[in-house]
Amino acid sequence: MIIDLHVHTRYSGDASIEPNELVRVAKERGLDGIAVTDHDTTRGWEQFPDMDDFTVIRGIERTTDHGSVIGLFLNEVIRARGFWEVIDEIRSQDGVVVLPHPCDSLRRDTPKIEGLNKNLLKTKVNAVEVFNARCLLGRFNVKAEKLAKDMGKHRVGGSDAHTMGEVGNARTLFDCDSLDEVHAQLKARFSINTVIQGNLSSRLVHISSFLNRLQRK
């Protein structure tokens, strides 16, 4: 399966993607599925009915006191705000914990893992986003690759799309045929063999996010 594991809809305050168009565009770009990971809300989930030919993973990018954390395969909104509390809440739903763009020093919401208990991180985090298409500098993704290797965590990639043109700019290839298998693989203790494909998005996409934030204030 080929899945873009990091996509925002208009329910994120800085995104413009309309849910009713997202599935069509994702299919056109060769994706078998997406993860809807809006900032601090699950309102977008209800916009995606169950489909036989396309997978939508329910997720969230939760803002914490130590940067953002992504939860995938969730059943309900994450209400905690503390870093460890958010992770525990994701795990309590049998969700998958992902560190998004963990080495991007230019973003305010990058997970601030320095100084945190490394053993706890290795125990509670499932995956590291080793390719985020919205990183301004490729070296941030190179560093994320090293982090995933050092932590022994699954490697995933996502476009972090906030506009329709970004959807599928990064994707994760899983050697499996169903969503249940993807979930099981990402919950596995030992790192799995994923293939990450992607290209960095234009730097201009950050301007669109800035304008979206202004319009919604």
Protein backbone atom coordinates (compact mmCIF):
# COMPACT_ATOMS: atom_id res chain seq x y z
CA MET A 1 0.00 0.00 0.00
CA ILE A 2 1.10 3.57 -0.77
CA ILE A 3 -0.02 6.09 1.84
CA ASP A 4 0.62 9.78 2.49
CA LEU A 5 0.70 9.72 6.28
CA HIS A 6 0.52 13.47 6.95
CA VAL A 7 -2.27 15.53 5.35
CA HIS A 8 -4.18 18.56 6.62
CA THR A 9 -7.66 19.69 5.56
CA ARG A 10 -9.35 23.08 5.89
CA TYR A 11 -10.18 22.14 9.47
CA SER A 12 -6.56 22.97 10.28
CA GLY A 13 -6.40 26.73 10.66
CA ASP A 14 -3.57 27.08 8.16
CA ALA A 15 -4.76 24.67 5.42
CA SER A 16 -7.11 25.02 2.46
CA ILE A 17 -7.71 21.42 1.32
CA GLU A 18 -11.39 20.58 0.80
CA PRO A 19 -12.15 17.04 2.02
CA ASN A 20 -14.63 16.34 -0.78
CA GLU A 21 -11.85 16.83 -3.35
CA LEU A 22 -9.00 15.24 -1.43
CA VAL A 23 -9.75 11.57 -2.12
CA ARG A 24 -10.13 12.14 -5.87
CA VAL A 25 -6.81 14.00 -6.09
CA ALA A 26 -5.01 11.43 -3.93
CA LYS A 27 -6.21 8.60 -6.18
CA GLU A 28 -5.08 10.49 -9.29
CA ARG A 29 -1.61 10.72 -7.75
CA GLY A 30 -1.35 6.99 -7.20
CA LEU A 31 -2.10 6.83 -3.49
CA ASP A 32 -3.98 3.96 -1.87
CA GLY A 33 -4.67 6.05 1.21
CA ILE A 34 -3.99 9.12 3.31
CA ALA A 35 -3.84 9.98 6.99
CA VAL A 36 -5.91 13.01 7.98
CA THR A 37 -3.80 14.73 10.64
CA ASP A 38 -5.36 18.12 11.27
CA HIS A 39 -3.95 20.37 13.97
CA ASP A 40 -5.65 19.67 17.30
CA THR A 41 -9.01 18.64 15.81
CA THR A 42 -10.79 15.59 14.42
CA ARG A 43 -13.57 17.55 12.70
CA GLY A 44 -12.35 16.44 9.30
CA TRP A 45 -12.86 12.75 10.03
CA GLU A 46 -16.61 12.83 9.47
CA GLN A 47 -16.09 14.17 5.95
CA PHE A 48 -14.67 10.86 4.76
CA PRO A 49 -17.16 7.98 4.41
CA ASP A 50 -15.95 4.37 4.42
CA MET A 51 -14.67 3.37 0.98
CA ASP A 52 -13.73 0.00 -0.47
CA ASP A 53 -11.10 1.37 -2.85
CA PHE A 54 -9.37 3.98 -0.69
CA THR A 55 -8.05 4.16 2.87
CA VAL A 56 -8.43 7.12 5.22
CA ILE A 57 -6.53 6.82 8.50
CA ARG A 58 -7.93 8.88 11.36
CA GLY A 59 -5.15 10.91 12.89
CA ILE A 60 -4.27 14.17 14.58
CA GLU A 61 -1.24 16.42 14.88
CA ARG A 62 -1.47 17.41 18.52
CA THR A 63 0.28 20.50 19.86
CA THR A 64 2.03 19.77 23.16
CA ASP A 65 4.32 21.57 25.58
CA HIS A 66 7.25 19.98 23.73
CA GLY A 67 6.17 20.45 20.12
CA SER A 68 3.83 18.41 17.94
CA VAL A 69 3.08 14.71 18.10
CA ILE A 70 1.10 12.77 15.47
CA GLY A 71 -1.31 10.05 16.47
CA LEU A 72 -2.61 7.61 13.83
CA PHE A 73 -5.38 4.98 13.92
CA LEU A 74 -7.37 6.89 16.52
CA ASN A 75 -10.98 6.57 17.64
CA GLU A 76 -11.49 9.98 19.24
CA VAL A 77 -9.88 13.36 19.75
CA ILE A 78 -6.76 13.66 21.91
CA ARG A 79 -7.49 16.05 24.78
CA ALA A 80 -4.20 16.07 26.71
CA ARG A 81 -1.64 18.83 26.14
CA GLY A 82 1.46 17.53 27.88
CA PHE A 83 3.94 15.67 25.66
CA TRP A 84 3.94 12.41 27.58
CA GLU A 85 0.23 12.64 28.38
CA VAL A 86 -0.58 13.01 24.67
CA ILE A 87 1.53 9.97 23.84
CA ASP A 88 -0.16 7.94 26.58
CA GLU A 89 -3.60 8.97 25.31
CA ILE A 90 -2.70 7.91 21.76
CA ARG A 91 -1.42 4.57 23.03
CA SER A 92 -4.55 4.06 25.12
CA GLN A 93 -6.53 4.05 21.85
CA ASP A 94 -4.13 1.49 20.35
CA GLY A 95 -2.88 4.33 18.17
CA VAL A 96 0.48 4.81 16.52
CA VAL A 97 2.79 7.54 17.88
CA VAL A 98 4.82 9.42 15.27
CA LEU A 99 7.41 12.18 15.71
CA PRO A 100 6.74 14.62 12.84
CA HIS A 101 9.58 16.58 11.18
CA PRO A 102 11.70 15.93 14.29
CA CYS A 103 14.89 17.63 13.10
CA ASP A 104 13.43 20.74 11.43
CA SER A 105 14.96 23.52 13.51
CA LEU A 106 13.05 26.21 11.59
CA ARG A 107 9.61 25.18 12.85
CA ARG A 108 8.19 26.21 16.19
CA ASP A 109 6.21 22.98 16.53
CA THR A 110 9.07 20.55 15.96
CA PRO A 111 9.16 17.96 18.79
CA LYS A 112 11.62 19.19 21.39
CA ILE A 113 13.03 15.82 22.36
CA GLU A 114 16.39 17.05 23.62
CA GLY A 115 16.48 16.61 27.36
CA LEU A 116 13.56 14.19 27.40
CA ASN A 117 14.01 10.69 28.75
CA LYS A 118 15.53 8.75 25.85
CA ASN A 119 14.48 5.37 27.20
CA LEU A 120 10.86 6.53 27.44
CA LEU A 121 11.02 7.85 23.87
CA LYS A 122 12.28 4.51 22.61
CA THR A 123 9.57 2.70 24.53
CA LYS A 124 6.59 4.88 23.66
CA VAL A 125 7.25 6.24 20.15
CA ASN A 126 6.41 3.94 17.23
CA ALA A 127 7.72 5.82 14.21
CA VAL A 128 9.79 8.77 13.02
CA GLU A 129 8.81 10.90 10.04
CA VAL A 130 12.06 10.68 8.09
CA PHE A 131 10.77 12.60 5.07
CA ASN A 132 8.49 15.61 5.39
CA ALA A 133 7.93 17.40 2.08
CA ARG A 134 7.44 20.77 3.79
CA CYS A 135 10.95 20.92 5.23
CA LEU A 136 12.73 23.92 3.77
CA LEU A 137 16.11 22.16 3.86
CA GLY A 138 16.76 18.59 2.81
CA ARG A 139 19.29 18.10 5.57
CA PHE A 140 16.48 18.13 8.14
CA ASN A 141 15.15 14.92 6.62
CA VAL A 142 18.65 13.43 6.47
CA LYS A 143 18.99 14.06 10.21
CA ALA A 144 15.56 12.51 10.79
CA GLU A 145 16.73 9.35 9.01
CA LYS A 146 19.62 9.10 11.41
CA LEU A 147 17.32 9.68 14.37
CA ALA A 148 15.03 6.85 13.29
CA LYS A 149 18.02 4.53 12.91
CA ASP A 150 19.48 5.50 16.28
CA MET A 151 16.11 4.96 17.98
CA GLY A 152 15.36 1.75 16.08
CA LYS A 153 11.98 3.11 14.96
CA HIS A 154 9.82 2.64 11.89
CA ARG A 155 10.52 5.08 9.04
CA VAL A 156 7.53 6.94 7.59
CA GLY A 157 7.05 9.82 5.20
CA GLY A 158 4.31 12.35 4.63
CA SER A 159 3.69 15.42 2.51
CA ASP A 160 2.40 17.54 5.41
CA ALA A 161 0.09 18.90 2.71
CA HIS A 162 -1.84 22.07 3.50
CA THR A 163 -2.76 22.77 -0.14
CA MET A 164 -4.09 20.35 -2.74
CA GLY A 165 -0.98 20.65 -4.88
CA GLU A 166 1.13 19.11 -2.12
CA VAL A 167 -0.86 15.91 -1.65
CA GLY A 168 1.34 12.89 -2.31
CA ASN A 169 4.60 14.85 -2.45
CA ALA A 170 5.82 12.29 0.10
CA ARG A 171 4.46 8.82 0.69
CA THR A 172 5.21 5.61 2.53
CA LEU A 173 5.18 2.23 0.77
CA PHE A 174 4.14 -0.70 2.95
CA ASP A 175 4.60 -4.34 2.00
CA CYS A 176 1.00 -5.26 2.84
CA ASP A 177 -2.48 -5.27 1.36
CA SER A 178 -4.80 -3.95 4.06
CA LEU A 179 -5.15 -1.18 6.61
CA ASP A 180 -5.13 -3.70 9.44
CA GLU A 181 -1.74 -4.94 8.25
CA VAL A 182 -0.38 -1.38 8.10
CA HIS A 183 -1.57 -0.80 11.65
CA ALA A 184 -0.02 -4.04 12.87
CA GLN A 185 3.28 -3.31 11.15
CA LEU A 186 3.54 0.15 12.70
CA LYS A 187 2.77 -1.30 16.11
CA ALA A 188 5.44 -3.98 15.73
CA ARG A 189 8.30 -3.77 18.18
CA PHE A 190 11.08 -4.12 15.63
CA SER A 191 11.43 -1.64 12.77
CA ILE A 192 9.85 -2.70 9.49
CA ASN A 193 11.16 -2.26 5.97
CA THR A 194 9.26 0.71 4.52
CA VAL A 195 10.13 2.56 1.31
CA ILE A 196 9.87 6.34 1.45
CA GLN A 197 9.33 8.32 -1.74
CA GLY A 198 9.09 12.06 -2.06
CA ASN A 199 10.21 15.47 -3.20
CA LEU A 200 10.33 18.68 -1.24
CA SER A 201 7.40 20.99 -1.88
CA SER A 202 7.91 24.52 -3.14
CA ARG A 203 8.87 26.96 -0.44
CA LEU A 204 5.94 29.09 -1.57
CA VAL A 205 3.49 26.72 0.14
CA HIS A 206 4.40 28.31 3.46
CA ILE A 207 3.05 31.63 2.19
CA SER A 208 -0.34 30.04 1.58
CA SER A 209 -0.39 28.73 5.16
CA PHE A 210 0.46 32.18 6.47
CA LEU A 211 -2.37 33.74 4.46
CA ASN A 212 -4.83 31.09 5.62
CA ARG A 213 -3.98 31.86 9.23
CA LEU A 214 -4.53 35.59 8.63
CA GLN A 215 -7.90 35.04 6.98
CA ARG A 216 -9.19 32.97 9.88
CA LYS A 217 -8.16 35.26 12.71
